Amino acid sequence: VIGISSQQDLLKLFHQNNIHAYCLNYKKTFGKFFNSIIEISRHIKNHKIEIVHAHMFHTLIIASIIKIFNHKVKIIFTAHNSFHAMKIRRIILWLLKPFRNFDTIFSKNSINFFHKKSSVVIPNGIDMNSYKIDVKKKSDKPFTFIVIGRLEHMKNHGFLLEQVSKLNDYNFKLLIVGSGILESKLKAKSSNLKLEDKVEFLGAREDVPRLLSQSDCLLLPSLWEAFPLVLLEAASSKIPVITTSVGSIDSFIDNENGYLVDLSGFRNAMIEIMNNRKISKIKSDRLYKRVKLHYQIDSIVKQYESLYKKSIQ
């Protein structure tokens, strides 16, 4: 596993599972970009790699250039995001279609003009056993909302703080899990809105299963997503979710097993779920059963193994 950026948060997880992984510290300069191509090409040659699975835009650029000089290598591409800010990126993805053997997408409704006709639907998966944590909640504990994700624009934390500020008459807490470039601004906004008693910033955490088990509802007010793993985590923890309908989210969450809302209806959904826990429990049980049936990690891994084998036949 080769990461082209400087983000190394997941390296230790790969190493703990005896998977060789390292980062190239790609800084989006021409020199670093060129060095990344050389480094990955050397790795492919030395280890006789047959398949390169490129995740996200920049890795696909590198993989496509490598394929020009190594026609035998097969390219599989996964975008991981339903939002492509610049039109030029969408055009480049379309132009690079001949270099790819397969694209993987998270649901049928996420296919776009720049995807290959040979696109294969493979959703994210989860090891549900990792989320079986039995924590007895105190009866006097306030209702606990939790939001998990990078503190970046797409996750829409600022909007969420504004909604919380309009719910002063309700007894609840909001746990914000994650770190990112907007951390200081969001903390300042929370302070300006006088939310110190309701909002708690927990930073990046490694005990997400425990935090979910102690929470009553997951919030995901994202502006764009692909197939967020955190929804599968919440489902595995048997807590209800309130989420926007972006990316491939509506391929597995609806208003029968969750709260699928526009941003304009987010605050009302928070009120509804606090006032009627019985209905939210029914919905979370339905989502748990759906994830258990269709999104177990073992099944997803087999789908990828099948695609890899097909690509080199």
Protein backbone atom coordinates (compact mmCIF):
# COMPACT_ATOMS: atom_id res chain seq x y z
CA VAL A 1 0.00 0.00 0.00
CA ILE A 2 1.51 3.30 -1.11
CA GLY A 3 0.08 6.66 -0.06
CA ILE A 4 1.16 9.61 -2.15
CA SER A 5 0.35 12.29 0.45
CA SER A 6 1.97 13.03 3.81
CA GLN A 7 -0.99 11.69 5.82
CA GLN A 8 0.28 8.76 7.88
CA ASP A 9 -2.60 8.19 10.33
CA LEU A 10 -3.44 4.73 9.01
CA LEU A 11 0.10 3.41 8.54
CA LYS A 12 0.28 1.74 11.92
CA LEU A 13 -2.95 -0.17 11.23
CA PHE A 14 -1.43 -1.65 8.09
CA HIS A 15 1.78 -2.49 9.92
CA GLN A 16 -0.12 -4.14 12.77
CA ASN A 17 -1.67 -6.46 10.18
CA ASN A 18 1.71 -7.24 8.58
CA ILE A 19 0.91 -5.21 5.45
CA HIS A 20 3.82 -3.28 3.95
CA ALA A 21 2.75 0.36 3.61
CA TYR A 22 4.47 3.72 3.32
CA CYS A 23 3.82 7.33 2.25
CA LEU A 24 5.60 9.31 -0.46
CA ASN A 25 4.93 12.72 1.10
CA TYR A 26 3.59 14.11 -2.20
CA LYS A 27 3.33 17.93 -1.87
CA LYS A 28 1.65 18.69 -5.21
CA THR A 29 4.79 20.12 -6.75
CA PHE A 30 6.13 19.00 -10.11
CA GLY A 31 9.27 17.56 -8.53
CA LYS A 32 7.34 15.51 -5.95
CA PHE A 33 4.88 14.38 -8.62
CA PHE A 34 7.71 13.19 -10.87
CA ASN A 35 9.43 11.44 -7.96
CA SER A 36 6.18 9.67 -7.08
CA ILE A 37 5.94 8.26 -10.60
CA ILE A 38 9.52 6.99 -10.44
CA GLU A 39 9.08 5.47 -6.96
CA ILE A 40 5.84 3.66 -7.79
CA SER A 41 7.19 2.47 -11.17
CA ARG A 42 10.23 1.02 -9.40
CA HIS A 43 7.99 -0.76 -6.90
CA ILE A 44 5.82 -2.23 -9.68
CA LYS A 45 8.86 -3.51 -11.52
CA ASN A 46 10.69 -4.90 -8.48
CA HIS A 47 7.64 -6.74 -7.15
CA LYS A 48 6.19 -7.74 -10.54
CA ILE A 49 2.91 -6.01 -9.78
CA GLU A 50 0.09 -6.87 -12.19
CA ILE A 51 -2.70 -4.65 -10.82
CA VAL A 52 -2.69 -1.08 -9.57
CA HIS A 53 -5.83 -0.07 -7.68
CA ALA A 54 -5.83 3.74 -7.77
CA HIS A 55 -7.92 5.52 -5.17
CA MET A 56 -8.84 9.18 -5.83
CA PHE A 57 -7.88 11.57 -8.62
CA HIS A 58 -4.13 12.18 -8.24
CA THR A 59 -3.23 8.50 -7.88
CA LEU A 60 -5.10 7.78 -11.10
CA ILE A 61 -2.99 10.37 -12.93
CA ILE A 62 0.18 8.66 -11.71
CA ALA A 63 -1.13 5.18 -12.56
CA SER A 64 -2.15 6.27 -16.07
CA ILE A 65 1.30 7.72 -16.80
CA ILE A 66 2.90 4.50 -15.55
CA LYS A 67 0.66 2.47 -17.85
CA ILE A 68 1.97 4.37 -20.88
CA PHE A 69 5.38 2.79 -20.23
CA ASN A 70 4.05 -0.50 -18.87
CA HIS A 71 1.11 -1.70 -20.96
CA LYS A 72 0.77 -4.96 -19.05
CA VAL A 73 -0.23 -3.41 -15.74
CA LYS A 74 -3.99 -3.32 -15.11
CA ILE A 75 -5.61 -0.21 -13.62
CA ILE A 76 -8.66 -0.23 -11.36
CA PHE A 77 -10.00 3.12 -10.19
CA THR A 78 -12.21 4.13 -7.25
CA ALA A 79 -13.15 7.80 -6.89
CA HIS A 80 -14.38 7.69 -3.24
CA ASN A 81 -16.20 10.95 -3.67
CA SER A 82 -19.36 12.10 -5.43
CA PHE A 83 -18.10 15.69 -5.67
CA HIS A 84 -15.60 16.82 -8.30
CA ALA A 85 -15.12 20.55 -7.77
CA MET A 86 -13.44 21.42 -11.03
CA LYS A 87 -14.88 20.69 -14.42
CA ILE A 88 -11.35 20.08 -15.70
CA ARG A 89 -11.03 17.13 -13.32
CA ARG A 90 -14.19 15.52 -14.69
CA ILE A 91 -12.87 15.96 -18.22
CA ILE A 92 -9.50 14.44 -17.27
CA LEU A 93 -11.23 11.45 -15.67
CA TRP A 94 -13.18 10.99 -18.90
CA LEU A 95 -10.03 11.26 -21.05
CA LEU A 96 -8.25 8.66 -18.92
CA LYS A 97 -10.97 6.02 -19.35
CA PRO A 98 -8.93 4.07 -21.99
CA PHE A 99 -6.11 3.58 -19.45
CA ARG A 100 -8.40 1.87 -16.93
CA ASN A 101 -9.64 -1.68 -16.98
CA PHE A 102 -12.40 -1.24 -14.42
CA ASP A 103 -13.94 1.44 -12.24
CA THR A 104 -15.60 0.55 -8.96
CA ILE A 105 -18.57 2.59 -7.78
CA PHE A 106 -20.54 2.40 -4.55
CA SER A 107 -24.02 2.27 -6.10
CA LYS A 108 -25.69 2.33 -9.51
CA ASN A 109 -26.96 5.88 -9.00
CA SER A 110 -23.41 7.19 -8.51
CA ILE A 111 -22.23 6.40 -12.07
CA ASN A 112 -21.18 9.43 -14.10
CA PHE A 113 -20.10 10.14 -17.68
CA PHE A 114 -16.43 9.78 -16.76
CA HIS A 115 -16.89 6.23 -15.42
CA LYS A 116 -16.24 3.23 -17.62
CA LYS A 117 -19.11 1.12 -18.92
CA SER A 118 -17.38 -1.79 -17.20
CA SER A 119 -17.91 -0.14 -13.80
CA VAL A 120 -18.59 -2.60 -11.00
CA VAL A 121 -20.76 -1.81 -7.98
CA ILE A 122 -18.89 -2.66 -4.77
CA PRO A 123 -19.97 -0.79 -1.63
CA ASN A 124 -17.91 -0.25 1.49
CA GLY A 125 -17.98 -3.01 4.09
CA ILE A 126 -17.53 -3.33 7.82
CA ASP A 127 -16.51 -5.85 10.46
CA MET A 128 -19.61 -5.64 12.63
CA ASN A 129 -18.03 -7.71 15.41
CA SER A 130 -15.75 -4.77 16.25
CA TYR A 131 -18.79 -2.73 17.31
CA LYS A 132 -20.42 -5.15 19.75
CA ILE A 133 -19.70 -3.11 22.86
CA ASP A 134 -22.27 -3.28 25.62
CA VAL A 135 -22.27 -0.05 27.57
CA LYS A 136 -25.06 0.68 30.03
CA LYS A 137 -26.16 4.28 29.65
CA LYS A 138 -27.06 6.25 32.73
CA SER A 139 -30.72 7.19 32.90
CA ASP A 140 -29.90 10.78 33.87
CA LYS A 141 -27.49 11.24 30.98
CA PRO A 142 -28.61 13.84 28.40
CA PHE A 143 -29.44 12.69 24.89
CA THR A 144 -26.11 12.39 23.06
CA PHE A 145 -25.60 13.23 19.40
CA ILE A 146 -22.28 12.38 17.80
CA VAL A 147 -20.64 13.50 14.55
CA ILE A 148 -17.51 11.74 13.30
CA GLY A 149 -15.26 12.94 10.50
CA ARG A 150 -12.54 15.31 9.38
CA LEU A 151 -13.10 18.92 10.37
CA GLU A 152 -13.34 20.13 6.78
CA HIS A 153 -15.84 22.08 4.69
CA MET A 154 -17.57 19.06 3.14
CA LYS A 155 -18.57 17.68 6.56
CA ASN A 156 -20.56 20.85 7.31
CA HIS A 157 -19.81 21.13 11.03
CA GLY A 158 -20.46 24.88 11.00
CA PHE A 159 -24.03 24.31 9.89
CA LEU A 160 -24.48 21.75 12.67
CA LEU A 161 -23.29 24.20 15.33
CA GLU A 162 -25.85 26.71 14.08
CA GLN A 163 -28.63 24.14 14.41
CA VAL A 164 -27.53 23.25 17.93
CA SER A 165 -27.63 26.93 18.91
CA LYS A 166 -31.35 26.98 18.01
CA LEU A 167 -32.20 24.06 20.31
CA ASN A 168 -31.62 25.66 23.69
CA ASP A 169 -34.83 24.22 25.14
CA TYR A 170 -33.64 20.62 24.73
CA ASN A 171 -31.35 18.63 27.02
CA PHE A 172 -28.66 17.07 24.85
CA LYS A 173 -24.92 16.96 24.12
CA LEU A 174 -23.08 16.99 20.80
CA LEU A 175 -19.79 15.12 20.59
CA ILE A 176 -17.56 16.19 17.68
CA VAL A 177 -14.97 13.53 16.86
CA GLY A 178 -12.16 14.32 14.44
CA SER A 179 -9.48 16.84 13.61
CA GLY A 180 -8.71 18.98 10.59
CA ILE A 181 -7.98 22.38 9.12
CA LEU A 182 -11.19 23.96 10.46
CA GLU A 183 -10.70 22.91 14.07
CA SER A 184 -9.76 26.33 15.47
CA LYS A 185 -12.51 28.12 13.51
CA LEU A 186 -15.15 25.65 14.64
CA LYS A 187 -14.10 25.93 18.28
CA ALA A 188 -14.25 29.71 17.98
CA LYS A 189 -17.71 29.52 16.42
CA SER A 190 -18.92 27.20 19.18
CA SER A 191 -17.63 29.68 21.75
CA ASN A 192 -19.25 32.65 19.99
CA LEU A 193 -22.57 30.78 19.94
CA LYS A 194 -22.13 30.02 23.67
CA LEU A 195 -22.33 26.26 23.15
CA GLU A 196 -19.72 25.23 25.72
CA ASP A 197 -22.35 23.32 27.75
CA LYS A 198 -23.70 21.43 24.73
CA VAL A 199 -20.75 20.81 22.41
CA GLU A 200 -17.60 18.84 23.17
CA PHE A 201 -14.65 18.57 20.77
CA LEU A 202 -12.95 15.19 21.29
CA GLY A 203 -10.31 15.38 18.54
CA ALA A 204 -9.10 12.35 16.60
CA ARG A 205 -9.93 9.16 18.48
CA GLU A 206 -9.17 5.47 18.21
CA ASP A 207 -12.10 4.34 20.38
CA VAL A 208 -14.91 5.15 17.94
CA PRO A 209 -16.83 1.90 18.68
CA ARG A 210 -16.96 2.79 22.38
CA LEU A 211 -18.01 6.39 21.67
CA LEU A 212 -20.79 5.21 19.36
CA SER A 213 -22.03 2.73 21.94
CA GLN A 214 -22.36 5.59 24.43
CA SER A 215 -24.23 7.84 21.98
CA ASP A 216 -27.89 7.98 21.01
CA CYS A 217 -27.71 9.21 17.41
CA LEU A 218 -25.16 9.82 14.65
CA LEU A 219 -25.38 13.06 12.65
CA LEU A 220 -24.02 13.42 9.11
CA PRO A 221 -24.92 16.80 7.57
CA SER A 222 -22.37 16.45 4.75
CA LEU A 223 -22.49 18.59 1.61
CA TRP A 224 -21.06 15.72 -0.43
CA GLU A 225 -19.96 12.15 0.23
CA ALA A 226 -19.39 8.89 -1.57
CA PHE A 227 -20.26 5.99 0.74
CA PRO A 228 -19.34 7.07 4.29
CA LEU A 229 -18.10 4.25 6.47
CA VAL A 230 -19.31 6.04 9.60
CA LEU A 231 -22.92 5.21 8.68
CA LEU A 232 -22.04 1.52 8.65
CA GLU A 233 -20.33 2.01 12.01
CA ALA A 234 -23.44 3.60 13.49
CA ALA A 235 -25.63 0.85 12.07
CA SER A 236 -23.34 -1.80 13.59
CA SER A 237 -23.65 0.02 16.93
CA LYS A 238 -27.45 -0.03 16.62
CA ILE A 239 -27.89 3.72 16.93
CA PRO A 240 -30.11 5.76 14.56
CA VAL A 241 -28.70 8.14 11.96
CA ILE A 242 -29.73 11.51 10.60
CA THR A 243 -28.04 12.17 7.26
CA THR A 244 -28.26 14.18 4.09
CA SER A 245 -28.99 12.36 0.85
CA VAL A 246 -25.70 12.83 -0.99
CA GLY A 247 -23.49 10.43 -2.93
CA SER A 248 -24.56 6.82 -2.53
CA ILE A 249 -26.12 7.24 0.90
CA ASP A 250 -29.68 6.75 -0.33
CA SER A 251 -28.72 3.37 -1.80
CA PHE A 252 -28.85 1.86 1.69
CA ILE A 253 -30.50 4.42 3.97
CA ASP A 254 -34.10 5.63 3.64
CA ASN A 255 -36.75 6.94 5.99
CA GLU A 256 -37.69 3.41 6.98
CA ASN A 257 -34.29 2.67 8.53
CA GLY A 258 -33.02 6.18 9.25
CA TYR A 259 -33.69 9.89 8.87
CA LEU A 260 -32.81 10.98 5.32
CA VAL A 261 -33.29 14.74 5.18
CA ASP A 262 -32.37 17.96 3.41
CA LEU A 263 -30.37 20.46 5.41
CA SER A 264 -33.55 22.50 5.92
CA GLY A 265 -35.08 19.56 7.77
CA PHE A 266 -32.05 18.59 9.84
CA ARG A 267 -33.02 20.41 13.02
CA ASN A 268 -36.58 19.03 12.95
CA ALA A 269 -35.18 15.52 12.59
CA MET A 270 -33.01 16.08 15.68
CA ILE A 271 -36.10 17.18 17.61
CA GLU A 272 -38.14 14.24 16.36
CA ILE A 273 -35.54 11.68 17.36
CA MET A 274 -35.22 13.16 20.87
CA ASN A 275 -39.01 13.13 21.33
CA ASN A 276 -39.64 9.63 20.01
CA ARG A 277 -36.91 7.13 20.85
CA LYS A 278 -39.23 4.17 20.22
CA ILE A 279 -39.51 4.91 16.50
CA SER A 280 -35.80 5.68 16.20
CA LYS A 281 -35.03 2.31 17.84
CA ILE A 282 -37.18 0.52 15.25
CA LYS A 283 -35.33 2.33 12.46
CA SER A 284 -31.89 1.56 13.86
CA ASP A 285 -32.79 -2.14 14.18
CA ARG A 286 -33.85 -2.19 10.52
CA LEU A 287 -30.59 -0.56 9.43
CA TYR A 288 -28.57 -3.01 11.53
CA LYS A 289 -30.25 -5.95 9.80
CA ARG A 290 -29.66 -4.42 6.35
CA VAL A 291 -25.97 -3.85 7.00
CA LYS A 292 -25.58 -7.35 8.46
CA LEU A 293 -27.15 -8.85 5.33
CA HIS A 294 -25.43 -6.80 2.61
CA TYR A 295 -22.34 -4.99 3.94
CA GLN A 296 -20.28 -7.49 5.92
CA ILE A 297 -16.59 -6.98 5.19
CA ASP A 298 -15.94 -10.63 4.27
CA SER A 299 -18.46 -10.42 1.45
CA ILE A 300 -17.03 -7.13 0.16
CA VAL A 301 -13.48 -8.51 0.17
CA LYS A 302 -14.60 -11.47 -1.96
CA GLN A 303 -16.12 -9.08 -4.50
CA TYR A 304 -12.80 -7.25 -4.83
CA GLU A 305 -10.88 -10.51 -5.09
CA SER A 306 -13.20 -11.59 -7.90
CA LEU A 307 -12.65 -8.28 -9.74
CA TYR A 308 -8.85 -8.54 -9.40
CA LYS A 309 -8.89 -12.06 -10.82
CA LYS A 310 -11.15 -10.98 -13.67
CA SER A 311 -8.85 -8.09 -14.59
CA ILE A 312 -5.83 -10.35 -15.23
CA GLN A 313 -7.60 -13.20 -17.00
